[in-house]
Amino acid sequence: MAVRCCWGLKLAALWSLTTLGAQAVGDEGELSDRPVDYVLATEQYVVEEVMPHIPGAALAIIADGQIELLQGYGAQRNGGSEPIGRHTVFRLASVSKTIAGTAAGLAVHANDLHWETPVKDHLTLDFRNPEYSRKITLQSLLSHTTGLMPQAYTNLIEANVPYREVIDRLDEVSFICPPSSCYSYQNVAFSLVGDVLLAATGETYEDYVERRLFEPLGMDDASFGWRAFTQNADRATPHIKVRGRWHPVEPSPNYYHVVPAAGANASILDMALWVRAQLGQRPDVLPPELLDQLHSPQVATSYRQAHYRAHPELSNIHYGLGWRLFDFGGNRHFVHHGGWVQGTRTEVLFNREHQLGLVFLSNSENRYAREVVYRFLELYTDYYRQVEAPPLLQQAEQSDHDS
């Protein structure tokens, strides 16, 4: 079952999985009949090709900077009767890193921090190579360029070892390159950004984000931590597949120990507002010059390092500051991040130049989330080529004729 929801209206009716027809959602709560081909086609793909195979999901699509689709599908718990709606909260997993990078950027914008300030200026922390210790900066934390071996101590996080115990052992981790010279994905080291923010501002990471991001952006369902998620009655229960069937599982607190890296929760409405802010629609909260910094490439990565499937239209893959970056189908500067923890898959994608965005949240470990992103990109690329290319071609032909 799919639950259609929109601004200013109560979640009311259950629609069948074959029901389509996205409607644009205006800032004042009105619905418009402005269908966009790639929006409708993306929803159709989710409804027909994805939802028959997973327990539940939520989808948001932003076009021309406006929320065109805000949709819940399926159930919060497999076999249950509670539908997924616009306020249903999902674990964000590594999409949490986009929040941490943005929060750090706000501190830089306020001159409380600087991208190039060594982490050791704020934290009493030892690393194995004393020469490299002074070279690990806020920028290298957020771009996964600390030089530490990949996924350093993620195994301890998965074993539910408390964060403080884990960071006390960072001096045992080997370096694979000098800081800021190679890409090496982290969860533990990335989460040091929360400690740096506390040292620089006097506010906990959670309080800082709540005050500077969640509240002004109206992300009323967003929260941090295992307790906030499990005590919310309107939550998407995680699922894993056992012997071909989806089974609900109790969420583990393990990755909630690394809050900046993987500890946020949010609804599809929250994330639609988040994307609009990243698109530049809320300059009062996120100034354009800050967005330029966050979305700038810091280090090149391969598609395998980014966990992408090879695609002929995919190129120029980088990591920015809490975000992944790539080009697709001739269009530049797509910004993306995915997340995966036990029983949950999440995806966020946008392009500021095209004022385009997608959010897909699912309450199961599945391979479909990534394919939703690719399908959306393919559909938009086809649409863009049809709509934008003819005028350009006509101009070129007219120029040739005039000459």
Protein backbone atom coordinates (compact mmCIF):
# COMPACT_ATOMS: atom_id res chain seq x y z
CA MET A 1 0.00 0.00 0.00
CA ALA A 2 1.17 3.54 -0.70
CA VAL A 3 0.33 6.50 1.45
CA ARG A 4 0.05 9.79 -0.38
CA CYS A 5 0.74 12.80 1.77
CA CYS A 6 1.08 16.45 1.06
CA TRP A 7 1.56 19.83 2.72
CA GLY A 8 -1.24 21.03 4.95
CA LEU A 9 -3.28 17.85 4.66
CA LYS A 10 -3.68 15.00 7.11
CA LEU A 11 -2.45 11.57 6.13
CA ALA A 12 -5.74 10.06 5.08
CA ALA A 13 -6.08 7.42 2.44
CA LEU A 14 -4.29 4.24 1.51
CA TRP A 15 -3.67 3.95 -2.21
CA SER A 16 -2.90 0.80 -4.10
CA LEU A 17 0.61 0.16 -5.34
CA THR A 18 -0.55 0.82 -8.88
CA THR A 19 -1.86 4.31 -8.09
CA LEU A 20 0.33 7.03 -9.65
CA GLY A 21 0.03 10.73 -10.32
CA ALA A 22 2.52 12.89 -8.45
CA GLN A 23 1.42 16.41 -7.66
CA ALA A 24 3.59 19.44 -7.00
CA VAL A 25 3.58 20.67 -3.42
CA GLY A 26 3.70 24.43 -3.01
CA ASP A 27 5.16 26.42 -0.13
CA GLU A 28 1.70 27.45 1.07
CA GLY A 29 0.23 23.98 1.14
CA GLU A 30 -1.64 23.94 -2.15
CA LEU A 31 -1.43 21.14 -4.67
CA SER A 32 -0.83 21.85 -8.34
CA ASP A 33 -1.43 19.71 -11.38
CA ARG A 34 2.07 20.13 -12.74
CA PRO A 35 3.27 16.64 -13.51
CA VAL A 36 6.91 16.23 -14.49
CA ASP A 37 7.69 13.22 -16.62
CA TYR A 38 10.76 12.06 -14.75
CA VAL A 39 9.00 12.49 -11.39
CA LEU A 40 6.06 10.34 -12.45
CA ALA A 41 8.36 7.78 -14.03
CA THR A 42 10.53 7.56 -10.92
CA GLU A 43 7.49 6.96 -8.75
CA GLN A 44 6.27 4.34 -11.18
CA TYR A 45 9.63 2.59 -10.97
CA VAL A 46 9.49 2.58 -7.17
CA VAL A 47 5.90 1.38 -7.11
CA GLU A 48 6.25 -1.36 -9.72
CA GLU A 49 9.87 -2.49 -9.45
CA VAL A 50 10.88 -1.84 -5.85
CA MET A 51 7.94 -1.96 -3.47
CA PRO A 52 6.87 -5.53 -4.30
CA HIS A 53 10.24 -6.63 -2.90
CA ILE A 54 10.68 -4.60 0.31
CA PRO A 55 8.56 -3.90 3.44
CA GLY A 56 8.40 -0.12 3.30
CA ALA A 57 9.95 3.07 1.98
CA ALA A 58 9.50 6.81 1.57
CA LEU A 59 10.29 8.91 -1.48
CA ALA A 60 10.73 12.65 -1.97
CA ILE A 61 11.52 14.37 -5.25
CA ILE A 62 12.43 18.03 -5.60
CA ALA A 63 12.15 19.67 -9.03
CA ASP A 64 12.82 23.34 -9.80
CA GLY A 65 13.59 23.74 -6.11
CA GLN A 66 10.08 22.68 -5.04
CA ILE A 67 8.88 19.47 -3.43
CA GLU A 68 7.09 17.71 -6.28
CA LEU A 69 6.54 14.37 -4.52
CA LEU A 70 6.38 13.39 -0.86
CA GLN A 71 5.25 9.80 -0.58
CA GLY A 72 5.18 6.89 1.83
CA TYR A 73 4.86 3.27 0.72
CA GLY A 74 4.29 0.01 2.53
CA ALA A 75 4.30 -0.61 6.26
CA GLN A 76 6.42 0.49 9.18
CA ARG A 77 6.71 -3.18 10.14
CA ASN A 78 6.32 -6.10 7.76
CA GLY A 79 2.87 -7.61 8.19
CA GLY A 80 1.69 -4.67 10.27
CA SER A 81 -1.07 -2.18 9.57
CA GLU A 82 0.74 1.09 10.36
CA PRO A 83 1.62 2.81 7.06
CA ILE A 84 4.72 4.83 6.40
CA GLY A 85 3.82 8.51 6.30
CA ARG A 86 5.58 11.82 5.98
CA HIS A 87 6.45 11.90 9.71
CA THR A 88 7.60 8.28 10.00
CA VAL A 89 11.18 8.34 11.27
CA PHE A 90 13.97 6.30 9.67
CA ARG A 91 17.53 5.74 10.73
CA LEU A 92 19.72 7.78 8.38
CA ALA A 93 22.88 5.69 8.85
CA SER A 94 25.80 7.33 6.98
CA VAL A 95 23.57 10.04 5.54
CA SER A 96 24.17 11.44 9.04
CA LYS A 97 27.59 12.53 7.76
CA THR A 98 25.94 15.17 5.60
CA ILE A 99 24.52 16.78 8.73
CA ALA A 100 27.88 16.68 10.51
CA GLY A 101 29.71 18.24 7.59
CA THR A 102 27.14 21.01 7.34
CA ALA A 103 27.23 21.69 11.09
CA ALA A 104 31.01 21.98 10.97
CA GLY A 105 30.66 24.32 8.02
CA LEU A 106 28.39 26.59 10.04
CA ALA A 107 31.03 26.75 12.77
CA VAL A 108 33.63 27.68 10.17
CA HIS A 109 31.31 30.32 8.73
CA ALA A 110 30.92 31.76 12.25
CA ASN A 111 34.72 31.75 12.70
CA ASP A 112 34.49 29.32 15.60
CA LEU A 113 36.55 26.86 13.56
CA HIS A 114 38.73 26.82 10.47
CA TRP A 115 38.96 24.07 7.87
CA GLU A 116 42.75 23.90 8.17
CA THR A 117 42.96 24.03 11.95
CA PRO A 118 44.68 20.88 13.28
CA VAL A 119 42.36 18.65 15.29
CA LYS A 120 45.00 18.54 18.02
CA ASP A 121 44.43 22.26 18.64
CA HIS A 122 41.05 21.30 20.08
CA LEU A 123 41.48 17.72 21.30
CA THR A 124 43.98 15.88 23.45
CA LEU A 125 44.46 12.98 21.10
CA ASP A 126 47.43 10.89 20.06
CA PHE A 127 48.05 9.21 16.72
CA ARG A 128 50.62 6.60 15.86
CA ASN A 129 52.71 8.91 13.68
CA PRO A 130 53.57 12.11 15.60
CA GLU A 131 54.58 13.87 12.38
CA TYR A 132 51.13 13.29 10.90
CA SER A 133 49.22 14.18 14.08
CA ARG A 134 49.49 17.93 13.45
CA LYS A 135 48.39 17.49 9.84
CA ILE A 136 44.96 15.99 10.59
CA THR A 137 42.53 18.89 10.21
CA LEU A 138 38.79 19.43 10.34
CA GLN A 139 38.83 19.35 6.55
CA SER A 140 40.63 16.00 6.44
CA LEU A 141 38.19 14.51 8.97
CA LEU A 142 35.17 15.46 6.86
CA SER A 143 36.72 14.42 3.54
CA HIS A 144 38.01 11.04 4.77
CA THR A 145 41.59 12.08 4.09
CA THR A 146 43.10 11.56 7.55
CA GLY A 147 45.49 8.99 6.09
CA LEU A 148 44.39 6.35 8.61
CA MET A 149 43.76 2.84 7.34
CA PRO A 150 40.21 2.45 5.92
CA GLN A 151 37.35 1.90 8.36
CA ALA A 152 39.69 2.16 11.34
CA TYR A 153 37.99 0.44 14.30
CA THR A 154 34.61 0.16 12.60
CA ASN A 155 34.84 -3.45 13.80
CA LEU A 156 34.83 -2.20 17.40
CA ILE A 157 31.79 -0.02 16.72
CA GLU A 158 30.00 -3.06 15.28
CA ALA A 159 30.98 -4.94 18.44
CA ASN A 160 29.15 -2.22 20.41
CA VAL A 161 32.31 -0.87 22.07
CA PRO A 162 31.64 2.65 23.43
CA TYR A 163 32.98 5.50 21.35
CA ARG A 164 35.27 6.89 24.06
CA GLU A 165 36.99 3.57 24.44
CA VAL A 166 37.50 3.35 20.70
CA ILE A 167 39.07 6.78 20.17
CA ASP A 168 41.50 6.12 23.02
CA ARG A 169 42.97 3.41 20.79
CA LEU A 170 43.46 5.55 17.67
CA ASP A 171 47.17 5.81 18.51
CA GLU A 172 47.44 2.14 17.54
CA VAL A 173 46.07 2.65 14.00
CA SER A 174 48.51 2.65 11.09
CA PHE A 175 48.60 5.36 8.43
CA ILE A 176 48.38 4.37 4.76
CA CYS A 177 49.36 7.82 3.48
CA PRO A 178 50.09 11.32 4.78
CA PRO A 179 46.97 13.27 5.82
CA SER A 180 45.11 15.05 2.98
CA SER A 181 46.79 12.93 0.31
CA CYS A 182 44.48 9.92 -0.15
CA TYR A 183 40.90 8.79 0.43
CA SER A 184 40.18 6.39 3.29
CA TYR A 185 36.57 6.12 4.51
CA GLN A 186 36.07 6.40 8.28
CA ASN A 187 33.34 6.30 10.91
CA VAL A 188 35.28 6.67 14.14
CA ALA A 189 37.72 9.34 12.95
CA PHE A 190 34.92 11.18 11.14
CA SER A 191 32.99 11.41 14.40
CA LEU A 192 35.78 13.41 16.01
CA VAL A 193 34.04 16.39 14.39
CA GLY A 194 31.54 16.25 17.25
CA ASP A 195 34.31 16.55 19.83
CA VAL A 196 35.91 19.40 17.88
CA LEU A 197 32.59 21.28 17.77
CA LEU A 198 32.14 20.87 21.52
CA ALA A 199 35.65 22.14 22.22
CA ALA A 200 35.23 25.13 19.90
CA THR A 201 31.67 26.20 20.74
CA GLY A 202 30.93 24.79 24.21
CA GLU A 203 27.83 23.05 22.83
CA THR A 204 27.38 19.34 22.37
CA TYR A 205 27.18 18.23 18.79
CA GLU A 206 23.52 17.29 19.20
CA ASP A 207 22.57 20.64 20.73
CA TYR A 208 24.49 22.59 18.10
CA VAL A 209 22.76 20.78 15.24
CA GLU A 210 19.34 21.13 16.85
CA ARG A 211 19.80 24.88 17.31
CA ARG A 212 21.53 25.71 14.03
CA LEU A 213 19.92 23.24 11.62
CA PHE A 214 16.93 21.18 12.76
CA GLU A 215 14.97 24.02 14.39
CA PRO A 216 15.42 26.76 11.77
CA LEU A 217 14.82 24.33 8.90
CA GLY A 218 11.64 22.95 10.48
CA MET A 219 13.02 19.41 10.71
CA ASP A 220 10.68 18.66 13.57
CA ASP A 221 10.91 14.85 13.41
CA ALA A 222 14.72 14.74 13.30
CA SER A 223 16.69 13.48 16.28
CA PHE A 224 19.86 11.73 17.35
CA GLY A 225 20.44 8.43 19.06
CA TRP A 226 19.05 5.00 19.73
CA ARG A 227 16.71 6.11 22.50
CA ALA A 228 15.06 8.81 20.42
CA PHE A 229 14.49 6.32 17.61
CA THR A 230 13.17 3.43 19.68
CA GLN A 231 10.86 5.62 21.78
CA ASN A 232 9.21 7.15 18.72
CA ALA A 233 5.99 5.26 17.99
CA ASP A 234 6.00 6.49 14.38
CA ARG A 235 9.21 4.77 13.28
CA ALA A 236 10.21 2.51 10.43
CA THR A 237 11.28 -0.78 11.99
CA PRO A 238 14.49 -2.19 10.44
CA HIS A 239 14.23 -5.50 8.54
CA ILE A 240 16.66 -8.15 7.39
CA LYS A 241 15.99 -10.99 4.99
CA VAL A 242 16.15 -14.51 6.38
CA ARG A 243 15.43 -17.48 4.10
CA GLY A 244 13.79 -15.25 1.55
CA ARG A 245 11.47 -13.42 3.98
CA TRP A 246 11.74 -10.01 5.61
CA HIS A 247 11.98 -10.15 9.40
CA PRO A 248 11.81 -7.10 11.70
CA VAL A 249 14.82 -6.64 13.99
CA GLU A 250 15.41 -4.49 17.01
CA PRO A 251 17.78 -1.67 16.04
CA SER A 252 21.25 -2.09 17.42
CA PRO A 253 22.75 0.84 19.37
CA ASN A 254 26.22 0.18 17.94
CA TYR A 255 26.43 2.80 15.17
CA TYR A 256 24.57 5.27 17.34
CA HIS A 257 27.83 5.45 19.32
CA VAL A 258 29.35 7.42 16.42
CA VAL A 259 26.66 10.08 16.27
CA PRO A 260 28.13 12.42 13.60
CA ALA A 261 28.92 9.48 11.33
CA ALA A 262 25.72 7.44 11.66
CA GLY A 263 23.54 8.53 14.58
CA ALA A 264 20.77 10.69 13.10
CA ASN A 265 17.09 9.88 12.57
CA ALA A 266 14.65 11.75 10.32
CA SER A 267 11.42 11.54 8.37
CA ILE A 268 10.97 11.92 4.63
CA LEU A 269 9.55 15.41 5.24
CA ASP A 270 12.65 16.36 7.22
CA MET A 271 14.90 15.13 4.44
CA ALA A 272 12.95 16.94 1.72
CA LEU A 273 13.48 20.15 3.70
CA TRP A 274 17.14 19.21 4.14
CA VAL A 275 17.63 18.85 0.40
CA ARG A 276 15.91 22.15 -0.33
CA ALA A 277 18.29 23.84 2.11
CA GLN A 278 21.27 22.19 0.41
CA LEU A 279 19.92 23.44 -2.93
CA GLY A 280 20.26 26.99 -1.63
CA GLN A 281 16.58 27.55 -0.89
CA ARG A 282 17.35 28.59 2.71
CA PRO A 283 20.22 31.10 2.52
CA ASP A 284 19.18 32.43 5.93
CA VAL A 285 20.36 29.11 7.38
CA LEU A 286 22.94 27.89 4.83
CA PRO A 287 24.64 30.73 2.96
CA PRO A 288 25.59 30.07 -0.68
CA GLU A 289 29.32 30.47 -0.01
CA LEU A 290 29.11 27.76 2.66
CA LEU A 291 27.31 25.41 0.28
CA ASP A 292 30.04 26.04 -2.29
CA GLN A 293 32.61 24.83 0.23
CA LEU A 294 30.65 21.79 1.38
CA HIS A 295 29.97 20.65 -2.18
CA SER A 296 33.50 21.19 -3.48
CA PRO A 297 35.62 18.13 -4.41
CA GLN A 298 38.34 17.32 -1.89
CA VAL A 299 39.65 13.95 -3.02
CA ALA A 300 39.06 11.70 -6.02
CA THR A 301 37.56 8.26 -5.42
CA SER A 302 36.82 5.27 -7.60
CA TYR A 303 33.27 4.08 -8.14
CA ARG A 304 34.12 1.03 -6.02
CA GLN A 305 35.36 3.20 -3.15
CA ALA A 306 32.10 5.12 -3.39
CA HIS A 307 30.10 1.86 -3.42
CA TYR A 308 28.64 2.72 -6.82
CA ARG A 309 27.83 0.27 -9.56
CA ALA A 310 29.76 1.00 -12.73
CA HIS A 311 27.64 3.03 -15.14
CA PRO A 312 28.60 4.46 -18.56
CA GLU A 313 27.17 7.89 -17.67
CA LEU A 314 28.96 8.12 -14.28
CA SER A 315 32.23 10.05 -14.04
CA ASN A 316 34.40 12.44 -12.02
CA ILE A 317 33.70 10.86 -8.63
CA HIS A 318 35.00 12.71 -5.56
CA TYR A 319 34.33 13.13 -1.86
CA GLY A 320 33.62 16.64 -0.59
CA LEU A 321 32.97 17.69 3.01
CA GLY A 322 30.44 15.14 4.23
CA TRP A 323 29.12 14.57 0.70
CA ARG A 324 29.99 12.48 -2.35
CA LEU A 325 30.18 14.22 -5.73
CA PHE A 326 29.98 13.04 -9.31
CA ASP A 327 28.93 13.92 -12.86
CA PHE A 328 26.26 11.99 -14.69
CA GLY A 329 25.12 12.03 -18.30
CA GLY A 330 26.93 15.23 -19.13
CA ASN A 331 25.42 17.08 -16.16
CA ARG A 332 27.95 18.16 -13.57
CA HIS A 333 27.98 18.50 -9.81
CA PHE A 334 25.58 15.91 -8.50
CA VAL A 335 25.88 15.69 -4.72
CA HIS A 336 25.02 12.43 -2.97
CA HIS A 337 25.35 10.24 0.08
CA GLY A 338 23.99 6.83 0.96
CA GLY A 339 23.62 5.00 4.24
CA TRP A 340 23.48 1.36 5.29
CA VAL A 341 23.15 -0.08 8.78
CA GLN A 342 21.45 -3.25 9.91
CA GLY A 343 17.94 -3.28 8.46
CA THR A 344 18.10 0.17 6.81
CA ARG A 345 19.12 1.72 3.47
CA THR A 346 18.99 5.44 2.72
CA GLU A 347 19.89 7.66 -0.24
CA VAL A 348 20.04 11.44 -0.74
CA LEU A 349 20.90 13.10 -4.07
CA PHE A 350 20.68 16.64 -5.45
CA ASN A 351 22.04 19.07 -8.02
CA ARG A 352 22.09 22.78 -7.20
CA GLU A 353 22.46 23.94 -10.79
CA HIS A 354 19.33 22.04 -11.84
CA GLN A 355 17.51 22.58 -8.51
CA LEU A 356 16.84 18.87 -8.47
CA GLY A 357 16.74 16.37 -5.60
CA LEU A 358 15.78 12.88 -4.51
CA VAL A 359 15.47 11.17 -1.13
CA PHE A 360 14.78 7.46 -0.74
CA LEU A 361 14.49 5.95 2.73
CA SER A 362 13.82 2.26 3.28
CA ASN A 363 13.40 0.07 6.35
CA SER A 364 15.30 -2.93 5.00
CA GLU A 365 18.74 -3.97 3.83
CA ASN A 366 18.17 -4.08 0.10
CA ARG A 367 19.91 -3.60 -3.23
CA TYR A 368 17.09 -1.49 -4.64
CA ALA A 369 17.94 1.81 -2.93
CA ARG A 370 21.01 2.39 -5.09
CA GLU A 371 19.04 1.45 -8.21
CA VAL A 372 16.40 4.06 -7.40
CA VAL A 373 19.13 6.69 -7.56
CA TYR A 374 20.43 5.40 -10.88
CA ARG A 375 16.94 5.16 -12.36
CA PHE A 376 16.15 8.72 -11.30
CA LEU A 377 19.41 9.95 -12.84
CA GLU A 378 18.72 8.10 -16.08
CA LEU A 379 15.18 9.45 -16.30
CA TYR A 380 16.24 12.99 -15.55
CA THR A 381 19.09 12.79 -18.06
CA ASP A 382 16.69 11.65 -20.79
CA TYR A 383 14.24 14.41 -19.85
CA TYR A 384 16.97 17.07 -19.79
CA ARG A 385 18.32 16.04 -23.16
CA GLN A 386 14.86 16.19 -24.70
CA VAL A 387 13.86 19.47 -23.10
CA GLU A 388 17.12 21.40 -23.03
CA ALA A 389 19.07 20.04 -25.99
CA PRO A 390 16.67 21.01 -28.83
CA PRO A 391 16.85 24.78 -28.17
CA LEU A 392 20.64 24.60 -27.98
CA LEU A 393 20.72 22.60 -31.19
CA GLN A 394 18.40 25.09 -32.85
CA GLN A 395 20.66 27.96 -31.77
CA ALA A 396 23.68 26.20 -33.23
CA GLU A 397 21.86 25.56 -36.49
CA GLN A 398 20.71 29.17 -36.67
CA SER A 399 24.27 30.36 -36.02
CA ASP A 400 25.56 28.15 -38.85
CA HIS A 401 22.87 29.54 -41.16
CA ASP A 402 23.66 33.15 -40.25
CA SER A 403 27.34 32.64 -40.96
